[in-house]
């Protein structure tokens, strides 16, 4: 493989890792902060107003910013790989969120969830063989 092609591929993987990293951070930080909000109103309009009041929270803003930055990294990744090759790597965000939510939020891990996670990982391995 030509060195310039190798550099392009390495950058593509860095962009995918950036996408996954910012996506996972955003999901976890939003879960953490939203879970701290109490006294959820019952009706939909009041819930929307309640969420709007939560927006100035710096952690919530960082979670929303992370989603935006993840989108920028994803656009860069799309410039390096076909979508059909790169997209399955996004399943790694499911794996990381699953594992980290168990550690950070003490969410329940069941055998069916683990089986599903294994299937996601196997799907990633199979689909990445086509590049």
N, C-alpha and C. Protein backbone atom coordinates (compact mmCIF):
# COMPACT_ATOMS: atom_id res chain seq x y z
N UNK A 1 0.85 -1.17 0.00
CA UNK A 1 0.00 0.00 0.00
C UNK A 1 0.90 1.24 0.00
N UNK A 2 0.55 2.17 -0.82
CA UNK A 2 1.30 3.43 -0.92
C UNK A 2 1.18 4.21 0.39
N UNK A 3 2.29 4.85 0.86
CA UNK A 3 2.25 5.57 2.14
C UNK A 3 1.14 6.63 2.22
N UNK A 4 0.85 7.31 1.12
CA UNK A 4 -0.20 8.34 1.17
C UNK A 4 -1.58 7.70 1.34
N UNK A 5 -1.79 6.50 0.76
CA UNK A 5 -3.05 5.78 0.94
C UNK A 5 -3.19 5.32 2.39
N UNK A 6 -2.08 4.88 2.96
CA UNK A 6 -2.10 4.43 4.35
C UNK A 6 -2.45 5.60 5.27
N UNK A 7 -1.89 6.78 4.99
CA UNK A 7 -2.17 7.96 5.80
C UNK A 7 -3.65 8.33 5.71
N UNK A 8 -4.22 8.24 4.52
CA UNK A 8 -5.64 8.55 4.33
C UNK A 8 -6.49 7.60 5.15
N UNK A 9 -6.14 6.30 5.14
CA UNK A 9 -6.91 5.31 5.91
C UNK A 9 -6.79 5.56 7.41
N UNK A 10 -5.57 5.87 7.86
CA UNK A 10 -5.37 6.15 9.29
C UNK A 10 -6.21 7.35 9.70
N UNK A 11 -6.21 8.39 8.90
CA UNK A 11 -7.02 9.57 9.22
C UNK A 11 -8.50 9.20 9.24
N UNK A 12 -8.93 8.38 8.32
CA UNK A 12 -10.33 7.94 8.30
C UNK A 12 -10.72 7.24 9.59
N UNK A 13 -9.84 6.37 10.08
CA UNK A 13 -10.11 5.67 11.34
C UNK A 13 -10.09 6.63 12.52
N UNK A 14 -9.21 7.61 12.48
CA UNK A 14 -9.20 8.64 13.54
C UNK A 14 -10.53 9.39 13.55
N UNK A 15 -11.05 9.70 12.37
CA UNK A 15 -12.34 10.39 12.28
C UNK A 15 -13.47 9.51 12.83
N UNK A 16 -13.43 8.22 12.53
CA UNK A 16 -14.45 7.30 13.05
C UNK A 16 -14.35 7.22 14.57
N UNK A 17 -13.13 7.12 15.09
CA UNK A 17 -12.94 7.08 16.55
C UNK A 17 -13.44 8.38 17.18
N UNK A 18 -13.17 9.51 16.54
CA UNK A 18 -13.67 10.79 17.04
C UNK A 18 -15.19 10.82 17.07
N UNK A 19 -15.81 10.31 16.02
CA UNK A 19 -17.27 10.25 15.96
C UNK A 19 -17.81 9.42 17.11
N UNK A 20 -17.24 8.25 17.30
CA UNK A 20 -17.70 7.35 18.36
C UNK A 20 -17.46 7.97 19.74
N UNK A 21 -16.28 8.52 19.94
CA UNK A 21 -15.94 9.11 21.23
C UNK A 21 -16.87 10.24 21.63
N UNK A 22 -17.11 11.16 20.70
CA UNK A 22 -18.00 12.28 21.01
C UNK A 22 -19.45 11.83 21.16
N UNK A 23 -19.86 10.84 20.38
CA UNK A 23 -21.22 10.31 20.51
C UNK A 23 -21.43 9.68 21.88
N UNK A 24 -20.49 8.85 22.29
CA UNK A 24 -20.60 8.18 23.59
C UNK A 24 -20.58 9.21 24.72
N UNK A 25 -19.65 10.15 24.66
CA UNK A 25 -19.59 11.18 25.69
C UNK A 25 -20.93 11.91 25.78
N UNK A 26 -21.46 12.34 24.64
CA UNK A 26 -22.72 13.08 24.63
C UNK A 26 -23.87 12.29 25.24
N UNK A 27 -23.97 11.01 24.89
CA UNK A 27 -25.05 10.18 25.43
C UNK A 27 -24.93 10.02 26.94
N UNK A 28 -23.73 9.75 27.40
CA UNK A 28 -23.53 9.51 28.84
C UNK A 28 -23.71 10.78 29.66
N UNK A 29 -23.20 11.88 29.17
CA UNK A 29 -23.30 13.13 29.94
C UNK A 29 -24.76 13.60 29.99
N UNK A 30 -25.49 13.44 28.90
CA UNK A 30 -26.90 13.83 28.91
C UNK A 30 -27.71 12.93 29.85
N UNK A 31 -27.44 11.64 29.83
CA UNK A 31 -28.14 10.72 30.74
C UNK A 31 -27.86 11.13 32.19
N UNK A 32 -26.61 11.42 32.49
CA UNK A 32 -26.22 11.80 33.85
C UNK A 32 -26.95 13.05 34.32
N UNK A 33 -26.96 14.08 33.47
CA UNK A 33 -27.57 15.34 33.89
C UNK A 33 -29.10 15.28 33.90
N UNK A 34 -29.68 14.65 32.90
CA UNK A 34 -31.14 14.55 32.84
C UNK A 34 -31.65 13.71 34.01
N UNK A 35 -30.90 12.69 34.39
CA UNK A 35 -31.31 11.85 35.52
C UNK A 35 -31.32 12.64 36.83
N UNK A 36 -30.55 13.72 36.88
CA UNK A 36 -30.51 14.54 38.09
C UNK A 36 -31.68 15.51 38.19
N UNK A 37 -32.36 15.72 37.07
CA UNK A 37 -33.54 16.59 37.12
C UNK A 37 -34.65 15.84 37.83
N UNK A 38 -35.33 16.52 38.70
CA UNK A 38 -36.40 15.89 39.46
C UNK A 38 -37.71 16.61 39.21
N UNK A 39 -38.75 16.05 39.72
CA UNK A 39 -40.08 16.66 39.63
C UNK A 39 -40.50 16.90 38.18
N UNK A 40 -40.40 15.85 37.35
CA UNK A 40 -40.82 15.98 35.96
C UNK A 40 -42.31 16.31 35.90
N UNK A 41 -42.66 17.32 35.13
CA UNK A 41 -44.09 17.64 34.95
C UNK A 41 -44.80 16.52 34.19
N UNK A 42 -46.10 16.51 34.29
CA UNK A 42 -46.90 15.46 33.66
C UNK A 42 -47.21 15.75 32.20
N UNK A 43 -47.57 16.98 31.88
CA UNK A 43 -47.99 17.22 30.49
C UNK A 43 -46.80 17.57 29.59
N UNK A 44 -47.01 17.37 28.31
CA UNK A 44 -45.94 17.49 27.32
C UNK A 44 -45.38 18.90 27.25
N UNK A 45 -46.23 19.90 27.23
CA UNK A 45 -45.76 21.29 27.14
C UNK A 45 -44.89 21.64 28.33
N UNK A 46 -45.31 21.26 29.50
CA UNK A 46 -44.54 21.54 30.71
C UNK A 46 -43.20 20.80 30.69
N UNK A 47 -43.18 19.59 30.13
CA UNK A 47 -41.92 18.84 30.01
C UNK A 47 -40.95 19.57 29.09
N UNK A 48 -41.46 20.08 27.97
CA UNK A 48 -40.61 20.81 27.03
C UNK A 48 -40.04 22.07 27.68
N UNK A 49 -40.86 22.79 28.41
CA UNK A 49 -40.40 23.98 29.12
C UNK A 49 -39.36 23.62 30.17
N UNK A 50 -39.58 22.52 30.85
CA UNK A 50 -38.65 22.03 31.87
C UNK A 50 -37.28 21.72 31.24
N UNK A 51 -37.31 21.06 30.08
CA UNK A 51 -36.06 20.76 29.37
C UNK A 51 -35.36 22.03 28.90
N UNK A 52 -36.13 22.98 28.41
CA UNK A 52 -35.54 24.25 27.97
C UNK A 52 -34.85 24.97 29.13
N UNK A 53 -35.43 24.87 30.31
CA UNK A 53 -34.80 25.47 31.49
C UNK A 53 -33.50 24.75 31.86
N UNK A 54 -33.40 23.47 31.49
CA UNK A 54 -32.19 22.70 31.79
C UNK A 54 -31.06 23.01 30.82
N UNK A 55 -31.37 23.58 29.67
CA UNK A 55 -30.36 23.82 28.63
C UNK A 55 -29.15 24.62 29.09
N UNK A 56 -29.29 25.62 29.94
CA UNK A 56 -28.09 26.37 30.34
C UNK A 56 -27.08 25.58 31.17
N UNK A 57 -27.46 24.40 31.63
CA UNK A 57 -26.52 23.57 32.38
C UNK A 57 -25.29 23.32 31.51
N UNK A 58 -24.08 23.64 31.99
CA UNK A 58 -22.88 23.48 31.16
C UNK A 58 -22.64 22.05 30.70
N UNK A 59 -23.02 21.07 31.51
CA UNK A 59 -22.83 19.68 31.10
C UNK A 59 -23.79 19.29 29.99
N UNK A 60 -25.03 19.76 30.08
CA UNK A 60 -25.99 19.49 29.02
C UNK A 60 -25.53 20.16 27.73
N UNK A 61 -25.07 21.39 27.85
CA UNK A 61 -24.54 22.07 26.66
C UNK A 61 -23.35 21.31 26.07
N UNK A 62 -22.49 20.77 26.93
CA UNK A 62 -21.34 20.02 26.42
C UNK A 62 -21.79 18.73 25.73
N UNK A 63 -22.86 18.12 26.22
CA UNK A 63 -23.39 16.93 25.56
C UNK A 63 -23.96 17.25 24.19
N UNK A 64 -24.65 18.36 24.09
CA UNK A 64 -25.19 18.79 22.79
C UNK A 64 -24.06 19.18 21.84
N UNK A 65 -23.06 19.86 22.36
CA UNK A 65 -21.89 20.22 21.55
C UNK A 65 -21.17 18.96 21.08
N UNK A 66 -21.08 17.96 21.94
CA UNK A 66 -20.43 16.70 21.56
C UNK A 66 -21.15 16.05 20.38
N UNK A 67 -22.47 16.11 20.38
CA UNK A 67 -23.24 15.55 19.25
C UNK A 67 -22.91 16.29 17.96
N UNK A 68 -22.77 17.60 18.06
CA UNK A 68 -22.41 18.40 16.88
C UNK A 68 -21.00 18.06 16.40
N UNK A 69 -20.05 17.98 17.33
CA UNK A 69 -18.67 17.66 16.96
C UNK A 69 -18.60 16.24 16.37
N UNK A 70 -19.37 15.31 16.94
CA UNK A 70 -19.42 13.96 16.38
C UNK A 70 -19.89 13.99 14.93
N UNK A 71 -20.85 14.86 14.64
CA UNK A 71 -21.34 15.00 13.25
C UNK A 71 -20.25 15.53 12.33
N UNK A 72 -19.44 16.45 12.83
CA UNK A 72 -18.33 16.97 12.02
C UNK A 72 -17.30 15.87 11.74
N UNK A 73 -16.97 15.10 12.77
CA UNK A 73 -16.05 13.97 12.57
C UNK A 73 -16.63 12.97 11.58
N UNK A 74 -17.94 12.75 11.66
CA UNK A 74 -18.58 11.80 10.75
C UNK A 74 -18.49 12.29 9.31
N UNK A 75 -18.68 13.58 9.10
CA UNK A 75 -18.55 14.11 7.74
C UNK A 75 -17.13 13.88 7.22
N UNK A 76 -16.14 14.07 8.08
CA UNK A 76 -14.75 13.82 7.68
C UNK A 76 -14.53 12.33 7.38
N UNK A 77 -15.10 11.46 8.19
CA UNK A 77 -14.97 10.02 7.96
C UNK A 77 -15.58 9.63 6.62
N UNK A 78 -16.70 10.28 6.27
CA UNK A 78 -17.36 9.98 5.00
C UNK A 78 -16.49 10.37 3.80
N UNK A 79 -15.56 11.28 4.02
CA UNK A 79 -14.68 11.67 2.93
C UNK A 79 -13.57 10.65 2.71
N UNK A 80 -13.42 9.70 3.64
CA UNK A 80 -12.34 8.72 3.55
C UNK A 80 -12.81 7.31 3.23
N UNK A 81 -14.03 6.97 3.61
CA UNK A 81 -14.53 5.61 3.44
C UNK A 81 -15.92 5.61 2.84
N UNK A 82 -16.30 4.51 2.16
CA UNK A 82 -17.68 4.37 1.74
C UNK A 82 -18.58 4.24 2.98
N UNK A 83 -19.78 4.74 2.88
CA UNK A 83 -20.73 4.69 3.98
C UNK A 83 -20.98 3.25 4.43
N UNK A 84 -21.10 2.35 3.47
CA UNK A 84 -21.40 0.95 3.79
C UNK A 84 -20.28 0.29 4.60
N UNK A 85 -19.07 0.82 4.52
CA UNK A 85 -17.95 0.31 5.31
C UNK A 85 -17.88 1.01 6.66
N UNK A 86 -18.01 2.33 6.68
CA UNK A 86 -17.81 3.11 7.90
C UNK A 86 -18.98 2.98 8.88
N UNK A 87 -20.20 2.91 8.36
CA UNK A 87 -21.36 2.95 9.25
C UNK A 87 -21.40 1.83 10.29
N UNK A 88 -21.06 0.60 9.94
CA UNK A 88 -21.08 -0.44 10.96
C UNK A 88 -20.19 -0.14 12.18
N UNK A 89 -19.16 0.65 12.00
CA UNK A 89 -18.31 1.01 13.14
C UNK A 89 -19.07 1.83 14.18
N UNK A 90 -20.15 2.46 13.75
CA UNK A 90 -20.95 3.23 14.70
C UNK A 90 -21.57 2.31 15.76
N UNK A 91 -21.67 1.02 15.45
CA UNK A 91 -22.21 0.09 16.45
C UNK A 91 -21.30 0.01 17.67
N UNK A 92 -20.05 0.41 17.53
CA UNK A 92 -19.16 0.44 18.70
C UNK A 92 -19.67 1.43 19.74
N UNK A 93 -20.38 2.46 19.30
CA UNK A 93 -20.94 3.39 20.28
C UNK A 93 -21.99 2.69 21.13
N UNK A 94 -22.76 1.76 20.54
CA UNK A 94 -23.74 0.99 21.32
C UNK A 94 -23.03 0.14 22.37
N UNK A 95 -21.94 -0.48 21.95
CA UNK A 95 -21.18 -1.34 22.85
C UNK A 95 -20.63 -0.52 24.02
N UNK A 96 -20.01 0.62 23.71
CA UNK A 96 -19.41 1.45 24.76
C UNK A 96 -20.47 2.05 25.69
N UNK A 97 -21.56 2.52 25.13
CA UNK A 97 -22.62 3.08 25.98
C UNK A 97 -23.20 1.99 26.87
N UNK A 98 -23.39 0.80 26.34
CA UNK A 98 -23.90 -0.32 27.12
C UNK A 98 -22.98 -0.61 28.31
N UNK A 99 -21.70 -0.75 28.03
CA UNK A 99 -20.74 -1.10 29.09
C UNK A 99 -20.59 0.04 30.10
N UNK A 100 -20.45 1.25 29.60
CA UNK A 100 -20.25 2.39 30.50
C UNK A 100 -21.50 2.73 31.31
N UNK A 101 -22.68 2.49 30.74
CA UNK A 101 -23.90 2.76 31.51
C UNK A 101 -24.03 1.76 32.66
N UNK A 102 -23.53 0.56 32.46
CA UNK A 102 -23.54 -0.42 33.54
C UNK A 102 -22.58 0.01 34.65
N UNK A 103 -21.42 0.52 34.26
CA UNK A 103 -20.42 0.93 35.25
C UNK A 103 -20.82 2.24 35.93
N UNK A 104 -21.19 3.24 35.14
CA UNK A 104 -21.44 4.57 35.68
C UNK A 104 -22.82 4.74 36.32
N UNK A 105 -23.82 4.10 35.73
CA UNK A 105 -25.20 4.29 36.20
C UNK A 105 -25.79 3.04 36.84
N UNK A 106 -24.98 2.00 36.95
CA UNK A 106 -25.41 0.74 37.55
C UNK A 106 -26.63 0.16 36.86
N UNK A 107 -26.68 0.32 35.55
CA UNK A 107 -27.79 -0.25 34.79
C UNK A 107 -27.61 -1.76 34.70
N UNK A 108 -28.70 -2.46 34.61
CA UNK A 108 -28.70 -3.92 34.65
C UNK A 108 -28.14 -4.52 33.37
N UNK A 109 -27.28 -5.51 33.55
CA UNK A 109 -26.76 -6.30 32.42
C UNK A 109 -27.44 -7.66 32.50
N UNK A 110 -28.14 -8.02 31.44
CA UNK A 110 -28.80 -9.32 31.38
C UNK A 110 -28.13 -10.17 30.30
N UNK A 111 -28.39 -11.45 30.35
CA UNK A 111 -27.80 -12.35 29.34
C UNK A 111 -28.33 -12.03 27.95
N UNK A 112 -29.57 -11.61 27.85
CA UNK A 112 -30.10 -11.28 26.52
C UNK A 112 -29.42 -10.02 25.97
N UNK A 113 -29.13 -9.05 26.85
CA UNK A 113 -28.42 -7.86 26.40
C UNK A 113 -26.99 -8.21 25.97
N UNK A 114 -26.35 -9.09 26.72
CA UNK A 114 -24.99 -9.52 26.36
C UNK A 114 -25.02 -10.27 25.03
N UNK A 115 -26.01 -11.12 24.83
CA UNK A 115 -26.13 -11.85 23.56
C UNK A 115 -26.31 -10.87 22.41
N UNK A 116 -27.14 -9.86 22.61
CA UNK A 116 -27.34 -8.85 21.58
C UNK A 116 -26.06 -8.09 21.29
N UNK A 117 -25.33 -7.78 22.34
CA UNK A 117 -24.05 -7.08 22.19
C UNK A 117 -23.06 -7.92 21.40
N UNK A 118 -23.00 -9.20 21.67
CA UNK A 118 -22.12 -10.10 20.94
C UNK A 118 -22.51 -10.14 19.46
N UNK A 119 -23.81 -10.18 19.19
CA UNK A 119 -24.27 -10.16 17.80
C UNK A 119 -23.87 -8.87 17.09
N UNK A 120 -23.95 -7.75 17.79
CA UNK A 120 -23.53 -6.47 17.20
C UNK A 120 -22.05 -6.52 16.86
N UNK A 121 -21.24 -7.03 17.77
CA UNK A 121 -19.79 -7.10 17.55
C UNK A 121 -19.48 -8.05 16.39
N UNK A 122 -20.16 -9.19 16.34
CA UNK A 122 -19.96 -10.12 15.22
C UNK A 122 -20.36 -9.48 13.89
N UNK A 123 -21.45 -8.72 13.91
CA UNK A 123 -21.87 -8.01 12.69
C UNK A 123 -20.83 -7.01 12.24
N UNK A 124 -20.23 -6.32 13.18
CA UNK A 124 -19.17 -5.36 12.86
C UNK A 124 -17.98 -6.08 12.23
N UNK A 125 -17.59 -7.20 12.80
CA UNK A 125 -16.45 -7.95 12.27
C UNK A 125 -16.74 -8.43 10.85
N UNK A 126 -17.92 -8.98 10.64
CA UNK A 126 -18.27 -9.49 9.32
C UNK A 126 -18.33 -8.34 8.29
N UNK A 127 -18.97 -7.26 8.64
CA UNK A 127 -19.13 -6.16 7.68
C UNK A 127 -17.82 -5.46 7.40
N UNK A 128 -16.89 -5.44 8.35
CA UNK A 128 -15.61 -4.75 8.12
C UNK A 128 -14.66 -5.56 7.25
N UNK A 129 -14.98 -6.82 7.01
CA UNK A 129 -14.14 -7.67 6.17
C UNK A 129 -14.26 -7.32 4.69
N UNK A 130 -15.25 -6.56 4.34
CA UNK A 130 -15.51 -6.27 2.93
C UNK A 130 -14.65 -5.15 2.38
N UNK A 131 -13.91 -4.44 3.19
CA UNK A 131 -13.13 -3.28 2.72
C UNK A 131 -11.78 -3.72 2.21
